[in-house]
């Protein structure tokens, strides 16, 4: 493959669709023969639909989280260790430059919950190889990440069936 320019994309906001948009990009990239990997922060369920199907399209997915919700300011040592290990692996993968597209799903959320230092994410955005397309997802992207990114899409909720009490559905939300 010829040398290509990779950008930093950020999908953020309170609306539904951040991970879904990243998975759509992964599907498109795989369709063009690009090497894609996704590391999911704050997620640890191997039964999610994207995990089940990833192998069939050649999408490697690693999960870097535990099986419980994290409360801002109350992260446990185990939460911090899982996020640190996930970020160390993500940094290694990005800097190796073997993958054309690296998706760091919920990394922005992990920054908000103080599991991953903002400075480390900004350094990774700055230091990534030119050929790597780096995609970050998660709510509440800080201004520094927005400023450092090449593309930022904010998902804004207009109407959602959650508000009517509808729970997350397999195959649609996870």
Protein backbone atom coordinates (compact mmCIF):
# COMPACT_ATOMS: atom_id res chain seq x y z
CA UNK A 1 0.00 0.00 0.00
CA UNK A 2 1.30 3.44 -0.85
CA UNK A 3 2.03 5.96 1.87
CA UNK A 4 -1.17 7.65 2.96
CA UNK A 5 -2.06 10.42 5.32
CA UNK A 6 -4.03 9.45 8.39
CA UNK A 7 -6.01 11.95 10.40
CA UNK A 8 -7.39 12.10 13.92
CA UNK A 9 -11.17 11.79 14.08
CA UNK A 10 -13.26 12.33 17.20
CA UNK A 11 -16.89 11.24 17.61
CA UNK A 12 -18.32 12.83 20.74
CA UNK A 13 -21.52 14.24 22.21
CA UNK A 14 -24.45 12.99 24.26
CA UNK A 15 -26.31 11.47 21.32
CA UNK A 16 -26.38 7.85 20.22
CA UNK A 17 -24.06 6.71 17.46
CA UNK A 18 -20.42 7.34 18.36
CA UNK A 19 -19.30 3.71 18.50
CA UNK A 20 -21.67 2.87 15.65
CA UNK A 21 -20.04 5.53 13.45
CA UNK A 22 -16.59 4.16 14.28
CA UNK A 23 -17.76 0.64 13.42
CA UNK A 24 -19.15 1.91 10.13
CA UNK A 25 -15.76 3.39 9.34
CA UNK A 26 -14.13 0.08 10.32
CA UNK A 27 -16.43 -1.82 7.96
CA UNK A 28 -15.66 0.57 5.11
CA UNK A 29 -11.92 0.42 5.78
CA UNK A 30 -11.94 -3.40 5.84
CA UNK A 31 -13.84 -3.34 2.56
CA UNK A 32 -10.86 -1.54 1.06
CA UNK A 33 -8.38 -3.98 2.56
CA UNK A 34 -7.16 -1.67 5.34
CA UNK A 35 -5.93 -3.18 8.59
CA UNK A 36 -8.20 -2.09 11.43
CA UNK A 37 -8.15 -2.59 15.19
CA UNK A 38 -10.50 -1.33 17.88
CA UNK A 39 -9.66 -1.02 21.55
CA UNK A 40 -12.70 -0.49 23.73
CA UNK A 41 -12.13 1.36 27.00
CA UNK A 42 -14.54 0.88 29.90
CA UNK A 43 -16.08 -2.16 28.20
CA UNK A 44 -15.59 -5.82 29.07
CA UNK A 45 -18.51 -7.76 27.62
CA UNK A 46 -17.44 -10.26 24.95
CA UNK A 47 -21.11 -10.84 24.10
CA UNK A 48 -21.71 -7.47 22.42
CA UNK A 49 -22.74 -7.74 18.77
CA UNK A 50 -19.66 -6.00 17.41
CA UNK A 51 -17.38 -8.39 19.30
CA UNK A 52 -19.25 -11.40 17.92
CA UNK A 53 -18.95 -10.21 14.32
CA UNK A 54 -15.54 -8.53 14.36
CA UNK A 55 -13.54 -11.61 13.52
CA UNK A 56 -15.68 -12.33 10.48
CA UNK A 57 -14.60 -9.07 8.83
CA UNK A 58 -11.01 -9.14 10.08
CA UNK A 59 -11.54 -6.49 12.75
CA UNK A 60 -9.47 -7.09 15.86
CA UNK A 61 -11.20 -5.86 19.02
CA UNK A 62 -9.56 -5.65 22.43
CA UNK A 63 -11.51 -4.66 25.53
CA UNK A 64 -9.81 -2.63 28.26
CA UNK A 65 -12.34 -2.36 31.02
CA UNK A 66 -14.04 -4.20 33.83
CA UNK A 67 -17.59 -5.51 34.12
CA UNK A 68 -19.04 -2.61 36.10
CA UNK A 69 -19.85 1.08 35.77
CA UNK A 70 -17.27 3.62 36.89
CA UNK A 71 -18.37 6.65 38.91
CA UNK A 72 -16.38 9.83 38.31
CA UNK A 73 -14.03 10.43 41.22
CA UNK A 74 -14.57 6.91 42.57
CA UNK A 75 -12.47 4.80 40.21
CA UNK A 76 -10.93 1.81 41.94
CA UNK A 77 -7.31 0.77 41.66
CA UNK A 78 -8.52 -2.04 39.39
CA UNK A 79 -10.35 0.44 37.13
CA UNK A 80 -7.23 2.57 36.86
CA UNK A 81 -5.03 -0.46 36.20
CA UNK A 82 -7.33 -1.76 33.44
CA UNK A 83 -7.41 1.65 31.75
CA UNK A 84 -3.63 2.08 32.08
CA UNK A 85 -2.99 -1.35 30.59
CA UNK A 86 -5.43 -0.63 27.78
CA UNK A 87 -3.86 2.73 27.03
CA UNK A 88 -0.33 1.27 27.08
CA UNK A 89 -1.46 -1.36 24.57
CA UNK A 90 -3.22 1.28 22.47
CA UNK A 91 -0.11 3.47 22.44
CA UNK A 92 2.05 0.52 21.42
CA UNK A 93 -0.34 -0.42 18.60
CA UNK A 94 -0.66 3.14 17.29
CA UNK A 95 3.08 3.84 17.35
CA UNK A 96 3.94 0.53 15.63
CA UNK A 97 2.00 1.79 12.62
CA UNK A 98 0.99 -1.71 11.51
CA UNK A 99 -2.73 -0.90 11.44
CA UNK A 100 -4.12 1.64 9.00
CA UNK A 101 -7.05 2.52 11.27
CA UNK A 102 -6.95 2.43 15.08
CA UNK A 103 -10.22 3.05 16.89
CA UNK A 104 -9.99 3.90 20.59
CA UNK A 105 -13.62 3.48 21.56
CA UNK A 106 -14.73 5.33 24.71
CA UNK A 107 -11.22 6.71 25.28
CA UNK A 108 -12.69 10.23 25.51
CA UNK A 109 -15.08 8.96 28.20
CA UNK A 110 -12.15 7.34 30.03
CA UNK A 111 -10.46 10.75 30.10
CA UNK A 112 -13.61 12.34 31.54
CA UNK A 113 -13.78 9.68 34.27
CA UNK A 114 -10.10 10.35 35.08
CA UNK A 115 -9.01 6.84 34.10
CA UNK A 116 -6.58 8.04 31.41
CA UNK A 117 -4.67 11.32 31.65
CA UNK A 118 -5.60 13.93 29.05
CA UNK A 119 -1.90 14.73 28.50
CA UNK A 120 -1.25 11.12 27.49
CA UNK A 121 -4.03 11.19 24.90
CA UNK A 122 -2.82 14.49 23.46
CA UNK A 123 0.71 13.08 23.21
CA UNK A 124 -0.60 10.02 21.36
CA UNK A 125 -2.56 12.22 18.96
CA UNK A 126 0.59 14.24 18.31
CA UNK A 127 2.99 11.29 18.03
CA UNK A 128 0.97 8.88 15.89
CA UNK A 129 2.60 7.82 12.62
CA UNK A 130 1.49 9.87 9.63
CA UNK A 131 -0.13 6.86 7.96
CA UNK A 132 -2.41 5.91 10.89
CA UNK A 133 -6.03 7.05 10.96
CA UNK A 134 -6.79 7.46 14.67
CA UNK A 135 -10.42 7.50 15.79
CA UNK A 136 -11.44 8.45 19.33
CA UNK A 137 -14.98 8.09 20.64
CA UNK A 138 -16.75 9.08 23.82
CA UNK A 139 -18.86 11.72 25.48
CA UNK A 140 -17.57 15.05 26.75
CA UNK A 141 -14.49 15.58 24.60
CA UNK A 142 -12.40 18.26 26.28
CA UNK A 143 -11.53 21.37 24.30
CA UNK A 144 -7.90 20.25 24.04
CA UNK A 145 -8.84 17.04 22.22
CA UNK A 146 -11.25 18.92 19.96
CA UNK A 147 -8.53 21.45 19.09
CA UNK A 148 -5.91 18.76 18.38
CA UNK A 149 -8.19 16.61 16.16
CA UNK A 150 -8.57 16.95 12.40
CA UNK A 151 -12.27 16.01 12.35
CA UNK A 152 -14.77 16.26 15.18
CA UNK A 153 -18.38 15.13 14.95
CA UNK A 154 -20.71 15.83 17.83
CA UNK A 155 -23.71 13.55 18.17
CA UNK A 156 -26.54 15.69 19.54
CA UNK A 157 -29.68 14.01 20.84
CA UNK A 158 -32.90 15.42 19.45
CA UNK A 159 -35.25 12.63 20.47
CA UNK A 160 -34.53 9.20 21.97
CA UNK A 161 -36.77 6.30 22.94
CA UNK A 162 -34.76 5.92 26.19
CA UNK A 163 -36.69 8.98 27.37
CA UNK A 164 -39.90 6.92 27.06
CA UNK A 165 -38.39 4.17 29.22
CA UNK A 166 -37.23 1.86 26.43
CA UNK A 167 -34.18 -0.14 27.56
CA UNK A 168 -31.08 -0.88 25.47
CA UNK A 169 -31.81 -3.60 22.91
CA UNK A 170 -29.48 -6.36 21.70
CA UNK A 171 -28.40 -5.77 18.12
CA UNK A 172 -29.35 -2.10 18.22
CA UNK A 173 -27.59 -0.56 21.23
CA UNK A 174 -25.09 -3.35 21.93
